[in-house]
Amino acid sequence: MQEGRDRGLSLFVEMFAALCDRTRQRILLLLDERERSVNELVQQFNLSQPTISRHLQVLRRAGLVKARREGQQVVYSIDGESMGGCLADFCSGFACCAPFFGSKGAQAEARAEGKATS
């Protein structure tokens, strides 16, 4: 049981590490308005396209955004299901928060096992 919980914690660490960067927070806020291509995001920042792409890669690995190809463009959007599920799983692991989120600890462990095998 502890091993599964530790794997679940590593997913939370990855998500919160992705969220702790101000540029990635701004990217998420822009994507919350609507989906955007990399080029659209680059226009909003004083950063190069490769730098924005690296930030997007971190956000994708953390399960916070998803991408789809549209012709030659890659279009990004928030992965609300993944983000919301991960945040709910994290918060429900605390006794003080469990009444608000239900018992999601098992879901976090299942998510960790699924990610560990992919």
Protein backbone atom coordinates (compact mmCIF):
# COMPACT_ATOMS: atom_id res chain seq x y z
CA MET A 1 0.00 0.00 0.00
CA GLN A 2 2.78 2.45 0.90
CA GLU A 3 4.57 1.77 -2.41
CA GLY A 4 1.42 2.67 -4.40
CA ARG A 5 0.94 5.80 -2.32
CA ASP A 6 4.58 6.82 -2.93
CA ARG A 7 4.05 6.40 -6.69
CA GLY A 8 0.92 8.55 -6.41
CA LEU A 9 2.93 11.20 -4.59
CA SER A 10 5.48 11.30 -7.39
CA LEU A 11 2.67 12.28 -9.80
CA PHE A 12 1.67 15.09 -7.48
CA VAL A 13 5.28 16.26 -7.23
CA GLU A 14 5.51 16.38 -11.04
CA MET A 15 2.26 18.34 -11.28
CA PHE A 16 3.17 20.86 -8.58
CA ALA A 17 6.69 21.26 -9.98
CA ALA A 18 5.13 22.13 -13.34
CA LEU A 19 2.81 24.63 -11.66
CA CYS A 20 5.53 26.43 -9.69
CA ASP A 21 6.91 28.22 -12.76
CA ARG A 22 5.37 31.63 -13.50
CA THR A 23 5.63 31.21 -17.29
CA ARG A 24 3.81 27.88 -17.14
CA GLN A 25 1.14 29.47 -14.92
CA ARG A 26 0.66 32.20 -17.53
CA ILE A 27 0.46 29.58 -20.30
CA LEU A 28 -2.27 27.76 -18.36
CA LEU A 29 -4.20 31.00 -17.88
CA LEU A 30 -4.04 31.68 -21.63
CA LEU A 31 -5.14 28.12 -22.41
CA ASP A 32 -7.99 28.50 -19.93
CA GLU A 33 -9.41 31.19 -22.23
CA ARG A 34 -9.20 28.97 -25.35
CA GLU A 35 -6.97 26.45 -27.06
CA ARG A 36 -3.91 27.93 -28.77
CA SER A 37 -1.11 26.94 -31.10
CA VAL A 38 2.53 27.21 -30.08
CA ASN A 39 2.89 30.23 -32.36
CA GLU A 40 -0.02 31.99 -30.66
CA LEU A 41 1.56 31.35 -27.27
CA VAL A 42 4.97 32.58 -28.45
CA GLN A 43 3.35 35.90 -29.45
CA GLN A 44 2.22 36.39 -25.84
CA PHE A 45 5.71 36.06 -24.36
CA ASN A 46 9.15 37.52 -24.90
CA LEU A 47 10.49 33.97 -25.28
CA SER A 48 11.59 31.80 -28.18
CA GLN A 49 9.45 29.06 -29.70
CA PRO A 50 11.76 26.28 -28.38
CA THR A 51 11.47 27.71 -24.85
CA ILE A 52 7.66 27.79 -25.01
CA SER A 53 7.68 24.26 -26.45
CA ARG A 54 9.79 23.05 -23.52
CA HIS A 55 7.32 24.62 -21.07
CA LEU A 56 4.46 22.92 -22.90
CA GLN A 57 6.29 19.60 -22.75
CA VAL A 58 6.60 19.93 -18.96
CA LEU A 59 2.89 20.74 -18.71
CA ARG A 60 2.00 17.75 -20.90
CA ARG A 61 4.15 15.33 -18.87
CA ALA A 62 2.42 16.58 -15.73
CA GLY A 63 -0.99 15.92 -17.29
CA LEU A 64 -2.02 19.57 -17.24
CA VAL A 65 -2.35 20.18 -20.98
CA LYS A 66 -3.09 18.07 -24.03
CA ALA A 67 -2.11 18.58 -27.65
CA ARG A 68 -3.60 17.78 -31.01
CA ARG A 69 -2.24 18.26 -34.49
CA GLU A 70 -4.12 20.58 -36.81
CA GLY A 71 -2.34 20.56 -40.16
CA GLN A 72 1.24 21.65 -39.48
CA GLN A 73 0.31 23.29 -36.16
CA VAL A 74 0.10 21.68 -32.75
CA VAL A 75 -2.80 23.10 -30.77
CA TYR A 76 -2.76 22.97 -26.98
CA SER A 77 -5.58 23.03 -24.45
CA ILE A 78 -5.96 22.43 -20.74
CA ASP A 79 -6.57 18.80 -19.81
CA GLY A 80 -9.27 19.61 -17.29
CA GLU A 81 -10.15 16.00 -16.52
CA SER A 82 -6.56 15.07 -15.72
CA MET A 83 -5.82 18.30 -13.84
CA GLY A 84 -9.02 18.18 -11.81
CA GLY A 85 -8.62 14.49 -11.03
CA CYS A 86 -5.05 14.89 -9.90
CA LEU A 87 -5.86 17.87 -7.69
CA ALA A 88 -8.86 16.05 -6.20
CA ASP A 89 -6.72 12.95 -5.59
CA PHE A 90 -4.07 15.03 -3.87
CA CYS A 91 -6.48 16.93 -1.65
CA SER A 92 -8.53 13.86 -0.74
CA GLY A 93 -5.39 12.29 0.71
CA PHE A 94 -5.66 14.71 3.64
CA ALA A 95 -8.21 13.86 6.31
CA CYS A 96 -9.28 17.50 6.58
CA CYS A 97 -10.08 17.65 2.84
CA ALA A 98 -11.52 14.16 2.28
CA PRO A 99 -15.12 15.26 3.04
CA PHE A 100 -14.91 17.74 0.15
CA PHE A 101 -13.35 15.38 -2.39
CA GLY A 102 -14.43 11.90 -1.32
CA SER A 103 -12.08 8.96 -1.10
CA LYS A 104 -9.86 9.24 -4.17
CA GLY A 105 -6.68 7.68 -2.80
CA ALA A 106 -7.32 4.49 -4.76
CA GLN A 107 -7.72 6.53 -7.94
CA ALA A 108 -4.34 8.19 -7.34
CA GLU A 109 -2.70 4.80 -6.92
CA ALA A 110 -4.37 3.48 -10.11
CA ARG A 111 -3.26 6.61 -11.99
CA ALA A 112 0.32 6.14 -10.71
CA GLU A 113 0.36 2.50 -11.78
CA GLY A 114 -0.99 3.41 -15.23
CA LYS A 115 1.59 6.14 -15.73
CA ALA A 116 4.41 3.94 -14.44
CA THR A 117 3.63 1.32 -17.10
CA SER A 118 3.26 3.78 -19.99
